[in-house]
Amino acid sequence: VSHFNTQSASIITYATQRGNIHSLDLRSTRHPFALSLSPDLGYLTDMQVGDDHNWVVVSTSRGFLSLWDIRFQTMVKLWRHSRNSTIKRIANASVNYSNGGRNINEASRPLIFVGSSNNEASLFDISAGDCLQCYRVLDPSLSFIDQAALPFEHRSVPHLESFDVPSPRSPRRFSLGGALEMSVTKSSNKDFVNALVGSISRDGPSYLIAGSSDRMIRYWDLNSASKCFCLSGLGRGQAPPNFEQINHDGIFQLFLCRHRPLPPARMTESGNVPLRNRQGIARSDNGHSDEILDLKLIESPSFGVLSSSRDGIIKLWN
């Protein structure tokens, strides 16, 4: 669901799992536009309207991203994420982007944060299909492996595969066998990024806050890995993760998060804890006990982050 105002209308836009995008003008109860997505691309999982209200991007359960021009009610681009799995969440990014001397100042440039499987989020220019940055959480088994020794799929950035924009008379893109194969691939993936909220600014901080099915909330600084941290989800006695960045073509495009394995329970018993760490009653774990479903920023009465999880708990983080 999205709401925006124009000079003559106040429009609510909402998407349904049937592949339809509807709109409603609250002032006149008219329907300014309606868009429809082919069912063989998967059911809709999320939708974002551009800041200039001229375009809308939708994601699907089969990893597709479609860019629509609202003015002409036409699909202009169709991409598929290289993960070939469900895209759970997408989020708008500011158009004022600077990194490594490269500035993007086009007011209508559609930049989108995309959350996918394997605990990975990315920043894409949907108009061109370029991946500008990627934020990836490595499996704990890779925590102590040097960057150069990491498997190629963990050192490379994702990409978008271009597809022809379907016409109303186009045949189905996937057969029944292809649809079943995609379902098997989707079910084998784990640790999805379910929630995204971020901001890209030339003058202020540029960041992405991501909530995942592993119950963790991570703060990614888009300019420096040293300023990234885990906001919530670390176990008792678990060391903070290490964040690092990999340079691609002179620009920091890939950010990695390495979590160290949890220490054995026998190492966290009171008799094995050094005296300098026995500082009274330990603070209870304030993290979520189930996967994160959504994140929202609040600015009043003070700046903070609201998080919700599948067990029905809502938390406020300052």
C-alpha atoms as a PDB file:
ATOM      1  CA  VAL A   1       0.000   0.000   0.000  1.00  0.00           C
ATOM      2  CA  SER A   2       1.302   3.465  -0.903  1.00  0.00           C
ATOM      3  CA  HIS A   3      -0.169   6.964  -0.714  1.00  0.00           C
ATOM      4  CA  PHE A   4       0.871  10.149  -2.495  1.00  0.00           C
ATOM      5  CA  ASN A   5      -0.600  13.557  -3.288  1.00  0.00           C
ATOM      6  CA  THR A   6      -0.663  15.444  -6.562  1.00  0.00           C
ATOM      7  CA  GLN A   7      -1.953  18.932  -7.328  1.00  0.00           C
ATOM      8  CA  SER A   8      -5.431  17.592  -8.003  1.00  0.00           C
ATOM      9  CA  ALA A   9      -5.647  14.182  -6.314  1.00  0.00           C
ATOM     10  CA  SER A  10      -4.848  12.157  -3.202  1.00  0.00           C
ATOM     11  CA  ILE A  11      -4.137   8.654  -4.444  1.00  0.00           C
ATOM     12  CA  ILE A  12      -3.858   5.356  -2.594  1.00  0.00           C
ATOM     13  CA  THR A  13      -2.119   2.606  -4.566  1.00  0.00           C
ATOM     14  CA  TYR A  14      -2.301  -1.023  -3.487  1.00  0.00           C
ATOM     15  CA  ALA A  15      -1.333  -4.393  -4.940  1.00  0.00           C
ATOM     16  CA  THR A  16      -2.955  -7.805  -4.629  1.00  0.00           C
ATOM     17  CA  GLN A  17      -1.592 -11.325  -4.930  1.00  0.00           C
ATOM     18  CA  ARG A  18      -3.689 -11.803  -8.057  1.00  0.00           C
ATOM     19  CA  GLY A  19      -1.211  -9.583  -9.898  1.00  0.00           C
ATOM     20  CA  ASN A  20      -3.278  -6.402  -9.996  1.00  0.00           C
ATOM     21  CA  ILE A  21      -2.227  -2.899  -8.949  1.00  0.00           C
ATOM     22  CA  HIS A  22      -5.183  -0.684  -8.109  1.00  0.00           C
ATOM     23  CA  SER A  23      -5.475   3.019  -7.325  1.00  0.00           C
ATOM     24  CA  LEU A  24      -8.123   5.128  -5.613  1.00  0.00           C
ATOM     25  CA  ASP A  25      -8.465   8.908  -5.539  1.00  0.00           C
ATOM     26  CA  LEU A  26      -9.678   9.781  -2.027  1.00  0.00           C
ATOM     27  CA  ARG A  27     -11.044  13.130  -3.194  1.00  0.00           C
ATOM     28  CA  SER A  28     -13.285  11.892  -5.989  1.00  0.00           C
ATOM     29  CA  THR A  29     -13.439   8.087  -5.332  1.00  0.00           C
ATOM     30  CA  ARG A  30     -12.287   7.549  -8.928  1.00  0.00           C
ATOM     31  CA  HIS A  31      -9.745   4.931 -10.044  1.00  0.00           C
ATOM     32  CA  PRO A  32      -6.987   6.845 -11.898  1.00  0.00           C
ATOM     33  CA  PHE A  33      -5.182   3.751 -13.156  1.00  0.00           C
ATOM     34  CA  ALA A  34      -5.036  -0.031 -12.912  1.00  0.00           C
ATOM     35  CA  LEU A  35      -2.125  -2.293 -13.830  1.00  0.00           C
ATOM     36  CA  SER A  36      -2.011  -6.056 -14.274  1.00  0.00           C
ATOM     37  CA  LEU A  37       0.894  -8.521 -14.121  1.00  0.00           C
ATOM     38  CA  SER A  38       0.937 -11.892 -15.842  1.00  0.00           C
ATOM     39  CA  PRO A  39       0.378 -14.728 -13.308  1.00  0.00           C
ATOM     40  CA  ASP A  40       3.233 -16.837 -14.678  1.00  0.00           C
ATOM     41  CA  LEU A  41       5.686 -14.230 -13.292  1.00  0.00           C
ATOM     42  CA  GLY A  42       4.577 -15.150  -9.765  1.00  0.00           C
ATOM     43  CA  TYR A  43       2.335 -13.435  -7.252  1.00  0.00           C
ATOM     44  CA  LEU A  44       3.155  -9.883  -6.151  1.00  0.00           C
ATOM     45  CA  THR A  45       5.207  -9.603  -2.970  1.00  0.00           C
ATOM     46  CA  ASP A  46       5.871  -5.851  -2.710  1.00  0.00           C
ATOM     47  CA  MET A  47       5.376  -2.539  -4.498  1.00  0.00           C
ATOM     48  CA  GLN A  48       7.069   0.872  -4.400  1.00  0.00           C
ATOM     49  CA  VAL A  49       5.951   4.140  -6.017  1.00  0.00           C
ATOM     50  CA  GLY A  50       8.656   6.544  -7.174  1.00  0.00           C
ATOM     51  CA  ASP A  51       9.258   9.835  -5.401  1.00  0.00           C
ATOM     52  CA  ASP A  52       8.181  11.697  -8.538  1.00  0.00           C
ATOM     53  CA  HIS A  53       4.962   9.584  -8.734  1.00  0.00           C
ATOM     54  CA  ASN A  54       5.675   8.725 -12.362  1.00  0.00           C
ATOM     55  CA  TRP A  55       6.772   5.127 -11.935  1.00  0.00           C
ATOM     56  CA  VAL A  56       6.084   2.061  -9.815  1.00  0.00           C
ATOM     57  CA  VAL A  57       8.197  -1.050  -9.239  1.00  0.00           C
ATOM     58  CA  VAL A  58       6.727  -4.404  -8.182  1.00  0.00           C
ATOM     59  CA  SER A  59       8.440  -7.630  -7.103  1.00  0.00           C
ATOM     60  CA  THR A  60       7.164 -11.191  -7.389  1.00  0.00           C
ATOM     61  CA  SER A  61       7.516 -14.585  -5.759  1.00  0.00           C
ATOM     62  CA  ARG A  62       9.566 -15.839  -8.734  1.00  0.00           C
ATOM     63  CA  GLY A  63      12.241 -13.163  -8.467  1.00  0.00           C
ATOM     64  CA  PHE A  64      10.943 -10.739 -11.108  1.00  0.00           C
ATOM     65  CA  LEU A  65      11.089  -6.940 -10.905  1.00  0.00           C
ATOM     66  CA  SER A  66       8.890  -4.933 -13.240  1.00  0.00           C
ATOM     67  CA  LEU A  67       9.078  -1.183 -13.831  1.00  0.00           C
ATOM     68  CA  TRP A  68       5.857   0.579 -14.858  1.00  0.00           C
ATOM     69  CA  ASP A  69       5.267   4.087 -16.197  1.00  0.00           C
ATOM     70  CA  ILE A  70       2.160   5.308 -14.382  1.00  0.00           C
ATOM     71  CA  ARG A  71       1.538   8.132 -16.849  1.00  0.00           C
ATOM     72  CA  PHE A  72       1.063   5.710 -19.753  1.00  0.00           C
ATOM     73  CA  GLN A  73       0.074   2.659 -17.625  1.00  0.00           C
ATOM     74  CA  THR A  74       2.722   0.607 -19.406  1.00  0.00           C
ATOM     75  CA  MET A  75       5.394  -1.834 -18.298  1.00  0.00           C
ATOM     76  CA  VAL A  76       8.702  -0.495 -19.595  1.00  0.00           C
ATOM     77  CA  LYS A  77      11.218  -2.939 -18.040  1.00  0.00           C
ATOM     78  CA  LEU A  78      11.146  -6.527 -16.812  1.00  0.00           C
ATOM     79  CA  TRP A  79      14.063  -8.042 -14.910  1.00  0.00           C
ATOM     80  CA  ARG A  80      14.778 -11.221 -12.994  1.00  0.00           C
ATOM     81  CA  HIS A  81      17.126 -11.344 -10.015  1.00  0.00           C
ATOM     82  CA  SER A  82      20.104 -13.669 -10.381  1.00  0.00           C
ATOM     83  CA  ARG A  83      19.114 -15.492  -7.169  1.00  0.00           C
ATOM     84  CA  ASN A  84      16.031 -16.875  -8.961  1.00  0.00           C
ATOM     85  CA  SER A  85      14.137 -16.886  -5.687  1.00  0.00           C
ATOM     86  CA  THR A  86      11.365 -14.930  -4.011  1.00  0.00           C
ATOM     87  CA  ILE A  87      11.957 -11.219  -3.516  1.00  0.00           C
ATOM     88  CA  LYS A  88      10.353 -10.558  -0.139  1.00  0.00           C
ATOM     89  CA  ARG A  89      10.831  -6.788   0.099  1.00  0.00           C
ATOM     90  CA  ILE A  90      11.825  -3.758  -1.963  1.00  0.00           C
ATOM     91  CA  ALA A  91      12.293  -0.179  -0.748  1.00  0.00           C
ATOM     92  CA  ASN A  92      12.766   3.206  -2.371  1.00  0.00           C
ATOM     93  CA  ALA A  93      16.197   4.815  -2.280  1.00  0.00           C
ATOM     94  CA  SER A  94      16.952   8.508  -2.581  1.00  0.00           C
ATOM     95  CA  VAL A  95      18.119   9.728  -5.974  1.00  0.00           C
ATOM     96  CA  ASN A  96      20.984  11.795  -4.544  1.00  0.00           C
ATOM     97  CA  TYR A  97      23.688   9.142  -4.445  1.00  0.00           C
ATOM     98  CA  SER A  98      27.445   9.684  -4.190  1.00  0.00           C
ATOM     99  CA  ASN A  99      30.068   6.997  -3.789  1.00  0.00           C
ATOM    100  CA  GLY A 100      33.712   6.999  -4.731  1.00  0.00           C
ATOM    101  CA  GLY A 101      33.373  10.169  -6.790  1.00  0.00           C
ATOM    102  CA  ARG A 102      30.357   8.992  -8.779  1.00  0.00           C
ATOM    103  CA  ASN A 103      27.220  11.083  -8.339  1.00  0.00           C
ATOM    104  CA  ILE A 104      23.725  10.284  -9.476  1.00  0.00           C
ATOM    105  CA  ASN A 105      21.529  13.382  -9.608  1.00  0.00           C
ATOM    106  CA  GLU A 106      18.700  12.473 -11.952  1.00  0.00           C
ATOM    107  CA  ALA A 107      15.442  13.308 -10.213  1.00  0.00           C
ATOM    108  CA  SER A 108      13.504  10.412 -11.765  1.00  0.00           C
ATOM    109  CA  ARG A 109      16.157   7.710 -11.559  1.00  0.00           C
ATOM    110  CA  PRO A 110      14.494   4.610 -10.014  1.00  0.00           C
ATOM    111  CA  LEU A 111      16.893   3.313  -7.347  1.00  0.00           C
ATOM    112  CA  ILE A 112      15.533   0.395  -5.353  1.00  0.00           C
ATOM    113  CA  PHE A 113      16.800  -1.636  -2.396  1.00  0.00           C
ATOM    114  CA  VAL A 114      15.997  -5.308  -3.018  1.00  0.00           C
ATOM    115  CA  GLY A 115      15.900  -7.986  -0.306  1.00  0.00           C
ATOM    116  CA  SER A 116      16.437 -11.552  -1.497  1.00  0.00           C
ATOM    117  CA  SER A 117      17.450 -14.969  -0.244  1.00  0.00           C
ATOM    118  CA  ASN A 118      20.709 -15.987   1.447  1.00  0.00           C
ATOM    119  CA  ASN A 119      20.506 -12.914   3.712  1.00  0.00           C
ATOM    120  CA  GLU A 120      21.365 -10.542   0.889  1.00  0.00           C
ATOM    121  CA  ALA A 121      20.189  -7.041  -0.008  1.00  0.00           C
ATOM    122  CA  SER A 122      21.211  -4.963  -2.999  1.00  0.00           C
ATOM    123  CA  LEU A 123      20.838  -1.497  -4.455  1.00  0.00           C
ATOM    124  CA  PHE A 124      19.732  -1.536  -8.105  1.00  0.00           C
ATOM    125  CA  ASP A 125      19.118   1.042 -10.784  1.00  0.00           C
ATOM    126  CA  ILE A 126      15.966  -0.540 -12.197  1.00  0.00           C
ATOM    127  CA  SER A 127      16.000   1.567 -15.358  1.00  0.00           C
ATOM    128  CA  ALA A 128      19.366   0.146 -16.454  1.00  0.00           C
ATOM    129  CA  GLY A 129      19.531  -3.075 -14.417  1.00  0.00           C
ATOM    130  CA  ASP A 130      22.830  -2.122 -12.760  1.00  0.00           C
ATOM    131  CA  CYS A 131      23.745  -3.312  -9.267  1.00  0.00           C
ATOM    132  CA  LEU A 132      25.302  -0.338  -7.464  1.00  0.00           C
ATOM    133  CA  GLN A 133      25.965  -2.036  -4.117  1.00  0.00           C
ATOM    134  CA  CYS A 134      25.357  -5.380  -2.403  1.00  0.00           C
ATOM    135  CA  TYR A 135      25.084  -6.135   1.338  1.00  0.00           C
ATOM    136  CA  ARG A 136      25.675  -9.819   2.090  1.00  0.00           C
ATOM    137  CA  VAL A 137      25.789 -11.911   5.269  1.00  0.00           C
ATOM    138  CA  LEU A 138      28.201 -14.830   4.986  1.00  0.00           C
ATOM    139  CA  ASP A 139      27.553 -18.248   6.417  1.00  0.00           C
ATOM    140  CA  PRO A 140      29.399 -18.786   9.745  1.00  0.00           C
ATOM    141  CA  SER A 141      31.424 -21.565   8.089  1.00  0.00           C
ATOM    142  CA  LEU A 142      33.108 -18.847   5.972  1.00  0.00           C
ATOM    143  CA  SER A 143      33.894 -16.527   8.878  1.00  0.00           C
ATOM    144  CA  PHE A 144      37.635 -17.236   8.940  1.00  0.00           C
ATOM    145  CA  ILE A 145      38.303 -17.500   5.188  1.00  0.00           C
ATOM    146  CA  ASP A 146      40.199 -14.680   3.476  1.00  0.00           C
ATOM    147  CA  GLN A 147      38.426 -12.608   0.871  1.00  0.00           C
ATOM    148  CA  ALA A 148      40.561 -13.951  -1.953  1.00  0.00           C
ATOM    149  CA  ALA A 149      39.767 -17.551  -0.935  1.00  0.00           C
ATOM    150  CA  LEU A 150      35.991 -17.077  -0.771  1.00  0.00           C
ATOM    151  CA  PRO A 151      33.937 -18.904  -3.407  1.00  0.00           C
ATOM    152  CA  PHE A 152      33.200 -16.738  -6.433  1.00  0.00           C
ATOM    153  CA  GLU A 153      29.463 -16.535  -5.724  1.00  0.00           C
ATOM    154  CA  HIS A 154      30.251 -14.913  -2.357  1.00  0.00           C
ATOM    155  CA  ARG A 155      32.664 -12.344  -3.866  1.00  0.00           C
ATOM    156  CA  SER A 156      30.565 -11.307  -6.854  1.00  0.00           C
ATOM    157  CA  VAL A 157      27.657  -8.889  -6.964  1.00  0.00           C
ATOM    158  CA  PRO A 158      24.212 -10.024  -8.139  1.00  0.00           C
ATOM    159  CA  HIS A 159      22.772  -8.969 -11.467  1.00  0.00           C
ATOM    160  CA  LEU A 160      19.418  -8.559 -13.165  1.00  0.00           C
ATOM    161  CA  GLU A 161      18.575 -10.587 -16.243  1.00  0.00           C
ATOM    162  CA  SER A 162      16.533  -8.654 -18.799  1.00  0.00           C
ATOM    163  CA  PHE A 163      13.324 -10.157 -20.191  1.00  0.00           C
ATOM    164  CA  ASP A 164      11.127  -8.961 -23.033  1.00  0.00           C
ATOM    165  CA  VAL A 165       8.133  -6.987 -21.816  1.00  0.00           C
ATOM    166  CA  PRO A 166       5.123  -9.291 -22.315  1.00  0.00           C
ATOM    167  CA  SER A 167       2.173  -8.158 -24.388  1.00  0.00           C
ATOM    168  CA  PRO A 168      -1.464  -9.019 -23.572  1.00  0.00           C
ATOM    169  CA  ARG A 169      -1.396 -11.725 -26.255  1.00  0.00           C
ATOM    170  CA  SER A 170       1.955 -13.228 -25.275  1.00  0.00           C
ATOM    171  CA  PRO A 171       1.925 -16.956 -24.382  1.00  0.00           C
ATOM    172  CA  ARG A 172       2.764 -18.107 -20.889  1.00  0.00           C
ATOM    173  CA  ARG A 173       6.443 -17.580 -20.163  1.00  0.00           C
ATOM    174  CA  PHE A 174       6.893 -20.758 -18.093  1.00  0.00           C
ATOM    175  CA  SER A 175       5.516 -24.240 -18.492  1.00  0.00           C
ATOM    176  CA  LEU A 176       4.191 -26.314 -15.597  1.00  0.00           C
ATOM    177  CA  GLY A 177       7.552 -28.094 -15.323  1.00  0.00           C
ATOM    178  CA  GLY A 178       9.391 -24.772 -15.193  1.00  0.00           C
ATOM    179  CA  ALA A 179       7.076 -23.480 -12.490  1.00  0.00           C
ATOM    180  CA  LEU A 180       7.656 -26.618 -10.376  1.00  0.00           C
ATOM    181  CA  GLU A 181      11.421 -26.280 -10.816  1.00  0.00           C
ATOM    182  CA  MET A 182      11.302 -22.676  -9.585  1.00  0.00           C
ATOM    183  CA  SER A 183       9.230 -23.763  -6.582  1.00  0.00           C
ATOM    184  CA  VAL A 184      11.889 -26.313  -5.619  1.00  0.00           C
ATOM    185  CA  THR A 185      14.635 -23.700  -5.997  1.00  0.00           C
ATOM    186  CA  LYS A 186      12.678 -21.214  -3.895  1.00  0.00           C
ATOM    187  CA  SER A 187      12.045 -23.712  -1.083  1.00  0.00           C
ATOM    188  CA  SER A 188      15.781 -24.570  -0.819  1.00  0.00           C
ATOM    189  CA  ASN A 189      16.766 -20.984   0.036  1.00  0.00           C
ATOM    190  CA  LYS A 190      16.883 -19.772   3.622  1.00  0.00           C
ATOM    191  CA  ASP A 191      17.394 -16.599   5.622  1.00  0.00           C
ATOM    192  CA  PHE A 192      15.443 -14.125   3.549  1.00  0.00           C
ATOM    193  CA  VAL A 193      15.645 -10.368   4.015  1.00  0.00           C
ATOM    194  CA  ASN A 194      12.062  -9.545   4.992  1.00  0.00           C
ATOM    195  CA  ALA A 195      12.283  -5.837   5.855  1.00  0.00           C
ATOM    196  CA  LEU A 196      14.200  -2.880   4.443  1.00  0.00           C
ATOM    197  CA  VAL A 197      14.345   0.804   5.246  1.00  0.00           C
ATOM    198  CA  GLY A 198      17.088   3.156   4.121  1.00  0.00           C
ATOM    199  CA  SER A 199      18.130   6.569   2.955  1.00  0.00           C
ATOM    200  CA  ILE A 200      20.738   7.819   0.532  1.00  0.00           C
ATOM    201  CA  SER A 201      21.798  11.431   0.931  1.00  0.00           C
ATOM    202  CA  ARG A 202      24.650  13.562  -0.295  1.00  0.00           C
ATOM    203  CA  ASP A 203      24.737  15.728   2.829  1.00  0.00           C
ATOM    204  CA  GLY A 204      23.494  13.384   5.563  1.00  0.00           C
ATOM    205  CA  PRO A 205      24.147   9.720   6.378  1.00  0.00           C
ATOM    206  CA  SER A 206      23.486   7.042   3.789  1.00  0.00           C
ATOM    207  CA  TYR A 207      22.366   3.767   5.306  1.00  0.00           C
ATOM    208  CA  LEU A 208      20.245   0.648   4.979  1.00  0.00           C
ATOM    209  CA  ILE A 209      18.570  -1.131   7.895  1.00  0.00           C
ATOM    210  CA  ALA A 210      17.638  -4.729   7.107  1.00  0.00           C
ATOM    211  CA  GLY A 211      15.594  -7.245   9.098  1.00  0.00           C
ATOM    212  CA  SER A 212      15.932 -10.914   8.249  1.00  0.00           C
ATOM    213  CA  SER A 213      14.402 -14.280   8.977  1.00  0.00           C
ATOM    214  CA  ASP A 214      17.413 -15.025  11.222  1.00  0.00           C
ATOM    215  CA  ARG A 215      15.860 -12.561  13.763  1.00  0.00           C
ATOM    216  CA  MET A 216      18.649 -10.022  13.302  1.00  0.00           C
ATOM    217  CA  ILE A 217      18.469  -6.324  12.449  1.00  0.00           C
ATOM    218  CA  ARG A 218      21.590  -4.983  10.755  1.00  0.00           C
ATOM    219  CA  TYR A 219      22.625  -1.404  10.076  1.00  0.00           C
ATOM    220  CA  TRP A 220      24.638  -0.992   6.868  1.00  0.00           C
ATOM    221  CA  ASP A 221      26.519   2.261   6.314  1.00  0.00           C
ATOM    222  CA  LEU A 222      26.712   2.692   2.552  1.00  0.00           C
ATOM    223  CA  ASN A 223      30.009   4.562   2.648  1.00  0.00           C
ATOM    224  CA  SER A 224      32.070   2.723   5.257  1.00  0.00           C
ATOM    225  CA  ALA A 225      32.011  -0.865   6.506  1.00  0.00           C
ATOM    226  CA  SER A 226      33.590   0.259   9.787  1.00  0.00           C
ATOM    227  CA  LYS A 227      30.341   2.043  10.692  1.00  0.00           C
ATOM    228  CA  CYS A 228      28.109  -1.007  10.152  1.00  0.00           C
ATOM    229  CA  PHE A 229      26.785  -2.930  13.137  1.00  0.00           C
ATOM    230  CA  CYS A 230      24.170  -5.410  14.303  1.00  0.00           C
ATOM    231  CA  LEU A 231      21.301  -3.616  16.026  1.00  0.00           C
ATOM    232  CA  SER A 232      19.581  -6.696  17.416  1.00  0.00           C
ATOM    233  CA  GLY A 233      19.726 -10.479  17.365  1.00  0.00           C
ATOM    234  CA  LEU A 234      23.138 -11.437  18.746  1.00  0.00           C
ATOM    235  CA  GLY A 235      23.079 -14.301  21.218  1.00  0.00           C
ATOM    236  CA  ARG A 236      24.382 -14.007  24.741  1.00  0.00           C
ATOM    237  CA  GLY A 237      28.145 -14.245  24.659  1.00  0.00           C
ATOM    238  CA  GLN A 238      28.284 -13.966  20.862  1.00  0.00           C
ATOM    239  CA  ALA A 239      30.975 -11.625  19.557  1.00  0.00           C
ATOM    240  CA  PRO A 240      29.905  -8.705  17.309  1.00  0.00           C
ATOM    241  CA  PRO A 241      30.174  -9.470  13.592  1.00  0.00           C
ATOM    242  CA  ASN A 242      32.946  -8.141  11.389  1.00  0.00           C
ATOM    243  CA  PHE A 243      31.980  -5.950   8.441  1.00  0.00           C
ATOM    244  CA  GLU A 244      34.218  -5.464   5.421  1.00  0.00           C
ATOM    245  CA  GLN A 245      33.967  -4.190   1.872  1.00  0.00           C
ATOM    246  CA  ILE A 246      35.311  -5.411  -1.446  1.00  0.00           C
ATOM    247  CA  ASN A 247      36.352  -2.994  -4.158  1.00  0.00           C
ATOM    248  CA  HIS A 248      34.932  -3.594  -7.635  1.00  0.00           C
ATOM    249  CA  ASP A 249      36.111  -1.285 -10.443  1.00  0.00           C
ATOM    250  CA  GLY A 250      37.353   1.322  -7.997  1.00  0.00           C
ATOM    251  CA  ILE A 251      34.024   1.505  -6.120  1.00  0.00           C
ATOM    252  CA  PHE A 252      33.016  -0.265  -2.922  1.00  0.00           C
ATOM    253  CA  GLN A 253      30.195  -2.355  -4.347  1.00  0.00           C
ATOM    254  CA  LEU A 254      30.165  -5.365  -2.025  1.00  0.00           C
ATOM    255  CA  PHE A 255      29.759  -5.254   1.762  1.00  0.00           C
ATOM    256  CA  LEU A 256      30.227  -8.457   3.745  1.00  0.00           C
ATOM    257  CA  CYS A 257      29.125  -9.372   7.271  1.00  0.00           C
ATOM    258  CA  ARG A 258      30.956 -12.220   9.009  1.00  0.00           C
ATOM    259  CA  HIS A 259      29.331 -13.709  12.096  1.00  0.00           C
ATOM    260  CA  ARG A 260      31.417 -15.774  14.454  1.00  0.00           C
ATOM    261  CA  PRO A 261      29.834 -19.006  15.689  1.00  0.00           C
ATOM    262  CA  LEU A 262      28.174 -18.979  19.092  1.00  0.00           C
ATOM    263  CA  PRO A 263      30.468 -20.179  21.897  1.00  0.00           C
ATOM    264  CA  PRO A 264      29.628 -23.543  23.504  1.00  0.00           C
ATOM    265  CA  ALA A 265      27.302 -23.386  26.495  1.00  0.00           C
ATOM    266  CA  ARG A 266      30.049 -24.669  28.787  1.00  0.00           C
ATOM    267  CA  MET A 267      32.124 -21.596  27.941  1.00  0.00           C
ATOM    268  CA  THR A 268      29.361 -19.209  29.023  1.00  0.00           C
ATOM    269  CA  GLU A 269      28.639 -20.807  32.392  1.00  0.00           C
ATOM    270  CA  SER A 270      29.296 -18.542  35.343  1.00  0.00           C
ATOM    271  CA  GLY A 271      32.258 -20.624  36.533  1.00  0.00           C
ATOM    272  CA  ASN A 272      34.067 -20.177  33.220  1.00  0.00           C
ATOM    273  CA  VAL A 273      33.463 -16.455  32.797  1.00  0.00           C
ATOM    274  CA  PRO A 274      36.507 -14.285  33.661  1.00  0.00           C
ATOM    275  CA  LEU A 275      36.204 -12.191  36.804  1.00  0.00           C
ATOM    276  CA  ARG A 276      36.350  -8.945  34.832  1.00  0.00           C
ATOM    277  CA  ASN A 277      33.094  -9.973  33.090  1.00  0.00           C
ATOM    278  CA  ARG A 278      31.241 -10.727  36.335  1.00  0.00           C
ATOM    279  CA  GLN A 279      29.689  -7.339  36.679  1.00  0.00           C
ATOM    280  CA  GLY A 280      26.399  -8.198  38.301  1.00  0.00           C
ATOM    281  CA  ILE A 281      23.124  -9.239  36.740  1.00  0.00           C
ATOM    282  CA  ALA A 282      23.365  -9.527  32.973  1.00  0.00           C
ATOM    283  CA  ARG A 283      20.875  -7.608  30.879  1.00  0.00           C
ATOM    284  CA  SER A 284      18.131  -9.776  29.466  1.00  0.00           C
ATOM    285  CA  ASP A 285      18.058 -10.409  25.745  1.00  0.00           C
ATOM    286  CA  ASN A 286      15.938  -7.677  24.147  1.00  0.00           C
ATOM    287  CA  GLY A 287      15.987  -9.063  20.625  1.00  0.00           C
ATOM    288  CA  HIS A 288      13.149 -10.677  18.715  1.00  0.00           C
ATOM    289  CA  SER A 289      12.459 -14.364  19.228  1.00  0.00           C
ATOM    290  CA  ASP A 290      11.059 -14.877  15.723  1.00  0.00           C
ATOM    291  CA  GLU A 291      11.867 -13.646  12.220  1.00  0.00           C
ATOM    292  CA  ILE A 292      11.630  -9.926  11.476  1.00  0.00           C
ATOM    293  CA  LEU A 293       8.699  -8.989   9.236  1.00  0.00           C
ATOM    294  CA  ASP A 294       8.798  -5.198   8.913  1.00  0.00           C
ATOM    295  CA  LEU A 295      10.750  -2.059   9.821  1.00  0.00           C
ATOM    296  CA  LYS A 296       9.629   1.560   9.961  1.00  0.00           C
ATOM    297  CA  LEU A 297      11.432   4.805  10.778  1.00  0.00           C
ATOM    298  CA  ILE A 298       9.898   7.346  13.155  1.00  0.00           C
ATOM    299  CA  GLU A 299      11.067  10.934  13.603  1.00  0.00           C
ATOM    300  CA  SER A 300       8.809  12.222  16.409  1.00  0.00           C
ATOM    301  CA  PRO A 301       9.108  12.643  19.345  1.00  0.00           C
ATOM    302  CA  SER A 302      12.624  11.274  18.693  1.00  0.00           C
ATOM    303  CA  PHE A 303      14.333   9.393  15.891  1.00  0.00           C
ATOM    304  CA  GLY A 304      13.980   5.613  16.148  1.00  0.00           C
ATOM    305  CA  VAL A 305      13.216   2.349  14.391  1.00  0.00           C
ATOM    306  CA  LEU A 306      10.081   0.250  14.860  1.00  0.00           C
ATOM    307  CA  SER A 307      10.444  -3.474  14.229  1.00  0.00           C
ATOM    308  CA  SER A 308       7.817  -6.210  14.159  1.00  0.00           C
ATOM    309  CA  SER A 309       8.274  -9.978  14.170  1.00  0.00           C
ATOM    310  CA  ARG A 310       6.166 -12.994  13.287  1.00  0.00           C
ATOM    311  CA  ASP A 311       5.301 -13.689  16.934  1.00  0.00           C
ATOM    312  CA  GLY A 312       3.333 -10.419  17.107  1.00  0.00           C
ATOM    313  CA  ILE A 313       5.937  -8.396  19.042  1.00  0.00           C
ATOM    314  CA  ILE A 314       6.687  -4.760  18.150  1.00  0.00           C
ATOM    315  CA  LYS A 315       9.850  -3.105  19.477  1.00  0.00           C
ATOM    316  CA  LEU A 316      11.170   0.461  19.406  1.00  0.00           C
ATOM    317  CA  TRP A 317      14.891   1.065  18.962  1.00  0.00           C
ATOM    318  CA  ASN A 318      16.570   4.405  19.633  1.00  0.00           C
END
